[in-house]
Amino acid sequence: MLDNYYSDIQANINLKNQKSKLNEIIQAKLKKTKNSISKISALTNKRDNTEKYKLYGELITANIYQKCDYAHSINVFDYINNKNITIELDNTKTLNENAQRYYKLYSKSKTTKEKSEELLNKLYMEREYYENTLYSIESANNLSELQEIKNEIGVPENKNSVNQKTLKDNIKKVIIYGFEVYIGRNNKQNDYIITKLAKDEDYWFHTKLCAGSHVLLKIAEKEPTDEMILECCKIARLNSSAAMPSKVGVIYTKAKYLRKPPSAPLGYVTYKNEKEILI
């Protein structure tokens, strides 16, 4: 009995230490990602002159008749904002050439904005991935579960080399009212649920705007009752980072409405036609 007692204490100490180390690694990555999001967002908003360049090009084109070639500026009426404005011109160019110059600036600004938004979307996916990883670390009950997470974050190039049978066996499964319900405990398991286990008519559940497990309700021969849907929502809420006393929205939809974007991190998915229940 004493051996078991101290063995449990040592196991808990090891688990706590491993969690702390993994937390430090992920927190550093999450902080870096959040800083990048903040910087790119601020820079994009500061430099976003896309619509202004387009408007200037249109206004100059509409006022070609003024014949202000090789002038420093032109006074025009801004029909969008209903006021008179002055547009700076390149005095080495004709009015038409200045209009083309602003159209080129518009095109360049638009391309830069689109690339920035694309990069931001990728960073948002990364942020969600790291937040889910932190939740997985915190909710891990033993060193074996932590080892799965260590393999996941330590060797990203081997994401697809996981033993699929072992991965499926490790996913928690419960039977409710005769239905099979799968609960992912980390990003790898979540990814396996949405890419391998989920069929078109199955139901997928996840807490809204917070990290948590992917919950999958397998549909065999009959549609689930409202009580069954509610039970799955409760499971999704219990297996999330949401604080227990608060109300949390749980979204659910059929698996056929899920989509995993190209190059998305493990466990990341977009969805549509969802419904929401407050738990």
Protein backbone atom coordinates (compact mmCIF):
# COMPACT_ATOMS: atom_id res chain seq x y z
CA MET A 1 0.00 0.00 0.00
CA LEU A 2 2.84 2.39 0.86
CA ASP A 3 4.63 1.51 -2.38
CA ASN A 4 1.48 2.30 -4.37
CA TYR A 5 0.97 5.52 -2.42
CA TYR A 6 4.45 6.90 -3.12
CA SER A 7 4.39 5.55 -6.65
CA ASP A 8 1.23 7.60 -7.30
CA ILE A 9 2.84 10.68 -5.76
CA GLN A 10 5.91 10.32 -7.98
CA ALA A 11 3.76 9.75 -11.05
CA ASN A 12 1.79 12.92 -10.31
CA ILE A 13 5.03 14.87 -9.83
CA ASN A 14 6.38 13.59 -13.16
CA LEU A 15 3.07 14.41 -14.87
CA LYS A 16 3.07 17.93 -13.42
CA ASN A 17 6.69 18.53 -14.48
CA GLN A 18 6.07 17.28 -18.01
CA LYS A 19 2.96 19.46 -18.29
CA SER A 20 4.93 22.48 -17.13
CA LYS A 21 7.67 21.90 -19.73
CA LEU A 22 5.19 21.41 -22.56
CA ASN A 23 3.22 24.46 -21.44
CA GLU A 24 6.34 26.62 -21.65
CA ILE A 25 7.03 25.45 -25.21
CA ILE A 26 3.48 26.05 -26.44
CA GLN A 27 3.02 29.32 -24.55
CA ALA A 28 6.15 30.68 -26.25
CA LYS A 29 4.84 29.64 -29.67
CA LEU A 30 1.40 31.07 -28.89
CA LYS A 31 2.89 34.38 -27.74
CA LYS A 32 4.94 34.64 -30.94
CA THR A 33 1.86 33.93 -33.07
CA LYS A 34 -0.26 36.50 -31.20
CA ASN A 35 2.49 39.12 -31.60
CA SER A 36 2.64 38.44 -35.33
CA ILE A 37 -1.15 38.80 -35.62
CA SER A 38 -1.05 42.09 -33.73
CA LYS A 39 1.81 43.53 -35.79
CA ILE A 40 0.45 42.48 -39.19
CA SER A 41 -3.07 43.70 -38.32
CA ALA A 42 -1.78 47.08 -37.18
CA LEU A 43 0.48 47.44 -40.23
CA THR A 44 -2.28 46.42 -42.63
CA ASN A 45 -4.76 48.90 -41.15
CA LYS A 46 -2.16 51.69 -41.16
CA ARG A 47 -1.10 51.17 -44.77
CA ASP A 48 -4.46 50.26 -46.25
CA ASN A 49 -5.00 52.93 -48.90
CA THR A 50 -6.61 50.54 -51.36
CA GLU A 51 -9.98 52.28 -51.65
CA LYS A 52 -8.40 55.73 -51.59
CA TYR A 53 -6.13 54.96 -54.55
CA LYS A 54 -9.07 53.52 -56.49
CA LEU A 55 -11.20 56.59 -55.76
CA TYR A 56 -8.40 58.97 -56.78
CA GLY A 57 -7.94 57.13 -60.07
CA GLU A 58 -11.67 57.32 -60.79
CA LEU A 59 -11.95 61.00 -59.83
CA ILE A 60 -8.97 62.02 -61.95
CA THR A 61 -10.36 60.05 -64.91
CA ALA A 62 -13.73 61.76 -64.45
CA ASN A 63 -11.99 65.18 -64.50
CA ILE A 64 -9.71 64.68 -67.50
CA TYR A 65 -11.54 67.60 -69.16
CA GLN A 66 -9.86 70.02 -66.69
CA LYS A 67 -6.60 69.57 -68.62
CA CYS A 68 -4.36 69.82 -65.54
CA ASP A 69 -1.41 68.08 -67.19
CA TYR A 70 1.93 68.46 -65.39
CA ALA A 71 0.25 70.10 -62.39
CA HIS A 72 1.09 69.56 -58.72
CA SER A 73 -2.55 68.92 -57.73
CA ILE A 74 -6.15 68.95 -58.90
CA ASN A 75 -9.34 70.04 -57.12
CA VAL A 76 -12.26 67.66 -57.67
CA PHE A 77 -15.64 66.83 -56.16
CA ASP A 78 -15.62 63.58 -54.18
CA TYR A 79 -19.00 62.06 -55.08
CA ILE A 80 -18.52 59.22 -52.56
CA ASN A 81 -18.10 61.46 -49.51
CA ASN A 82 -19.98 64.42 -51.01
CA LYS A 83 -17.23 67.04 -50.62
CA ASN A 84 -14.48 68.86 -52.53
CA ILE A 85 -10.97 67.43 -52.17
CA THR A 86 -7.48 68.11 -53.50
CA ILE A 87 -5.53 65.22 -55.05
CA GLU A 88 -1.75 65.44 -55.27
CA LEU A 89 -0.32 64.81 -58.73
CA ASP A 90 3.08 64.00 -60.19
CA ASN A 91 3.94 67.20 -62.06
CA THR A 92 6.09 65.27 -64.55
CA LYS A 93 3.06 63.38 -65.85
CA THR A 94 -0.15 64.15 -67.72
CA LEU A 95 -3.51 63.90 -65.97
CA ASN A 96 -4.23 60.58 -67.66
CA GLU A 97 -0.82 59.23 -66.60
CA ASN A 98 -1.54 60.30 -63.00
CA ALA A 99 -4.84 58.43 -63.15
CA GLN A 100 -3.01 55.30 -64.33
CA ARG A 101 -0.43 55.80 -61.56
CA TYR A 102 -3.18 55.72 -58.92
CA TYR A 103 -4.76 52.66 -60.53
CA LYS A 104 -1.39 50.87 -60.32
CA LEU A 105 -1.04 51.90 -56.66
CA TYR A 106 -4.58 50.55 -56.08
CA SER A 107 -3.72 47.24 -57.72
CA LYS A 108 -0.50 46.89 -55.71
CA SER A 109 -2.23 47.83 -52.46
CA LYS A 110 -5.05 45.36 -53.14
CA THR A 111 -2.56 42.53 -53.75
CA THR A 112 -0.65 43.39 -50.56
CA LYS A 113 -3.91 43.46 -48.59
CA GLU A 114 -4.97 40.06 -49.93
CA LYS A 115 -1.60 38.51 -49.04
CA SER A 116 -1.76 40.04 -45.56
CA GLU A 117 -5.26 38.61 -45.04
CA GLU A 118 -4.05 35.22 -46.25
CA LEU A 119 -1.16 35.33 -43.79
CA LEU A 120 -3.48 36.46 -40.97
CA ASN A 121 -5.84 33.55 -41.65
CA LYS A 122 -2.92 31.16 -41.37
CA LEU A 123 -1.85 32.78 -38.08
CA TYR A 124 -5.41 32.56 -36.74
CA MET A 125 -5.36 28.82 -37.46
CA GLU A 126 -2.02 28.53 -35.68
CA ARG A 127 -3.36 30.41 -32.68
CA GLU A 128 -6.36 28.11 -32.41
CA TYR A 129 -4.09 25.08 -32.78
CA TYR A 130 -1.81 26.19 -29.92
CA GLU A 131 -4.79 27.07 -27.70
CA ASN A 132 -6.20 23.58 -28.28
CA THR A 133 -2.80 22.08 -27.55
CA LEU A 134 -2.65 23.92 -24.22
CA TYR A 135 -6.06 22.54 -23.36
CA SER A 136 -4.92 19.01 -24.31
CA ILE A 137 -1.86 19.35 -22.07
CA GLU A 138 -3.91 20.60 -19.13
CA SER A 139 -6.51 17.84 -19.47
CA ALA A 140 -3.99 14.99 -19.93
CA ASN A 141 -4.36 12.38 -17.17
CA ASN A 142 -1.16 10.39 -17.66
CA LEU A 143 2.29 10.43 -19.26
CA SER A 144 1.08 8.35 -22.20
CA GLU A 145 -1.34 11.10 -23.24
CA LEU A 146 1.41 13.70 -22.85
CA GLN A 147 3.72 11.57 -24.99
CA GLU A 148 1.20 11.77 -27.85
CA ILE A 149 1.28 15.56 -27.60
CA LYS A 150 5.10 15.60 -27.40
CA ASN A 151 5.30 13.52 -30.57
CA GLU A 152 2.86 15.86 -32.25
CA ILE A 153 4.68 19.12 -31.48
CA GLY A 154 8.20 17.72 -31.54
CA VAL A 155 8.16 15.99 -34.93
CA PRO A 156 5.70 17.92 -37.14
CA GLU A 157 7.01 16.28 -40.32
CA ASN A 158 5.78 12.89 -39.07
CA LYS A 159 2.17 13.94 -38.55
CA ASN A 160 0.93 11.36 -41.03
CA SER A 161 3.07 8.47 -39.76
CA VAL A 162 0.94 7.81 -36.68
CA ASN A 163 -0.26 4.26 -36.21
CA GLN A 164 -3.92 4.74 -37.16
CA LYS A 165 -5.18 1.70 -35.24
CA THR A 166 -3.43 2.80 -32.04
CA LEU A 167 -4.74 6.32 -32.48
CA LYS A 168 -8.34 5.09 -32.87
CA ASP A 169 -8.01 2.82 -29.83
CA ASN A 170 -6.85 5.76 -27.70
CA ILE A 171 -9.86 7.92 -28.56
CA LYS A 172 -12.43 7.89 -25.78
CA LYS A 173 -15.74 6.29 -26.78
CA VAL A 174 -18.98 6.25 -24.80
CA ILE A 175 -22.38 4.71 -25.53
CA ILE A 176 -25.41 6.94 -24.90
CA TYR A 177 -28.96 5.78 -25.71
CA GLY A 178 -27.40 3.19 -28.00
CA PHE A 179 -25.35 5.74 -29.97
CA GLU A 180 -21.52 5.74 -30.19
CA VAL A 181 -19.94 9.05 -29.19
CA TYR A 182 -16.22 9.74 -29.75
CA ILE A 183 -14.29 12.39 -27.79
CA GLY A 184 -10.88 13.65 -28.96
CA ARG A 185 -8.30 14.32 -26.26
CA ASN A 186 -5.65 16.09 -28.36
CA ASN A 187 -5.14 17.57 -31.82
CA LYS A 188 -4.16 14.25 -33.40
CA GLN A 189 -7.25 12.52 -32.07
CA ASN A 190 -9.44 15.48 -33.08
CA ASP A 191 -7.98 15.37 -36.58
CA TYR A 192 -8.54 11.61 -36.83
CA ILE A 193 -12.16 12.06 -35.75
CA ILE A 194 -12.97 14.64 -38.45
CA THR A 195 -10.92 13.09 -41.27
CA LYS A 196 -11.31 9.32 -40.68
CA LEU A 197 -14.17 8.51 -38.33
CA ALA A 198 -16.73 11.11 -39.41
CA LYS A 199 -19.21 10.15 -42.12
CA ASP A 200 -21.54 12.59 -43.88
CA GLU A 201 -24.60 12.06 -41.66
CA ASP A 202 -22.71 11.96 -38.35
CA TYR A 203 -22.98 14.96 -36.01
CA TRP A 204 -19.98 17.03 -34.92
CA PHE A 205 -19.97 19.12 -31.72
CA HIS A 206 -17.57 21.76 -30.38
CA THR A 207 -17.65 24.62 -27.90
CA LYS A 208 -17.89 28.04 -29.53
CA LEU A 209 -14.92 30.43 -29.27
CA CYS A 210 -12.91 28.30 -26.82
CA ALA A 211 -10.55 25.33 -26.96
CA GLY A 212 -12.03 21.90 -26.51
CA SER A 213 -12.45 18.38 -27.78
CA HIS A 214 -14.10 17.42 -31.04
CA VAL A 215 -17.13 15.30 -30.19
CA LEU A 216 -18.57 13.00 -32.86
CA LEU A 217 -21.98 11.35 -32.68
CA LYS A 218 -22.10 8.35 -35.00
CA ILE A 219 -25.39 7.84 -36.81
CA ALA A 220 -26.36 4.25 -37.64
CA GLU A 221 -30.00 3.64 -38.55
CA LYS A 222 -31.95 6.40 -36.80
CA GLU A 223 -31.67 10.14 -36.24
CA PRO A 224 -30.78 11.28 -32.70
CA THR A 225 -33.44 12.73 -30.44
CA ASP A 226 -33.23 16.22 -28.93
CA GLU A 227 -32.16 14.58 -25.66
CA MET A 228 -29.28 12.87 -27.42
CA ILE A 229 -28.16 16.12 -29.06
CA LEU A 230 -28.28 17.83 -25.66
CA GLU A 231 -26.18 15.08 -24.04
CA CYS A 232 -23.51 15.49 -26.75
CA CYS A 233 -23.51 19.25 -26.20
CA LYS A 234 -22.96 18.65 -22.49
CA ILE A 235 -20.04 16.33 -23.29
CA ALA A 236 -18.48 18.97 -25.57
CA ARG A 237 -18.88 21.56 -22.83
CA LEU A 238 -17.35 19.33 -20.13
CA ASN A 239 -14.40 18.53 -22.42
CA SER A 240 -13.44 22.15 -23.06
CA SER A 241 -11.47 24.99 -21.51
CA ALA A 242 -14.69 26.84 -20.58
CA ALA A 243 -15.04 27.66 -16.88
CA MET A 244 -17.70 25.48 -15.27
CA PRO A 245 -19.95 28.17 -13.73
CA SER A 246 -20.49 30.05 -16.99
CA LYS A 247 -22.89 29.51 -19.88
CA VAL A 248 -21.16 28.30 -23.02
CA GLY A 249 -22.40 28.01 -26.58
CA VAL A 250 -21.93 24.60 -28.18
CA ILE A 251 -22.21 24.43 -31.96
CA TYR A 252 -23.09 21.32 -33.89
CA THR A 253 -23.58 20.36 -37.52
CA LYS A 254 -23.44 17.32 -39.76
CA ALA A 255 -19.99 16.07 -40.73
CA LYS A 256 -20.71 16.69 -44.43
CA TYR A 257 -20.64 20.42 -43.67
CA LEU A 258 -17.11 20.29 -42.24
CA ARG A 259 -14.08 21.29 -44.28
CA LYS A 260 -10.40 21.07 -43.48
CA PRO A 261 -8.58 23.89 -45.33
CA PRO A 262 -5.38 23.06 -47.22
CA SER A 263 -2.26 23.28 -45.00
CA ALA A 264 -4.44 23.69 -41.89
CA PRO A 265 -2.92 22.42 -38.60
CA LEU A 266 -4.08 19.22 -36.95
CA GLY A 267 -7.65 19.36 -35.69
CA TYR A 268 -8.55 22.62 -37.45
CA VAL A 269 -11.83 22.63 -39.35
CA THR A 270 -14.31 25.12 -40.79
CA TYR A 271 -18.05 24.50 -40.76
CA LYS A 272 -21.42 25.77 -42.00
CA ASN A 273 -25.15 25.18 -41.40
CA GLU A 274 -24.40 24.96 -37.70
CA LYS A 275 -26.84 25.28 -34.81
CA GLU A 276 -26.01 26.48 -31.30
CA ILE A 277 -27.19 25.46 -27.85
CA LEU A 278 -26.31 27.28 -24.64
CA ILE A 279 -25.09 24.87 -21.97
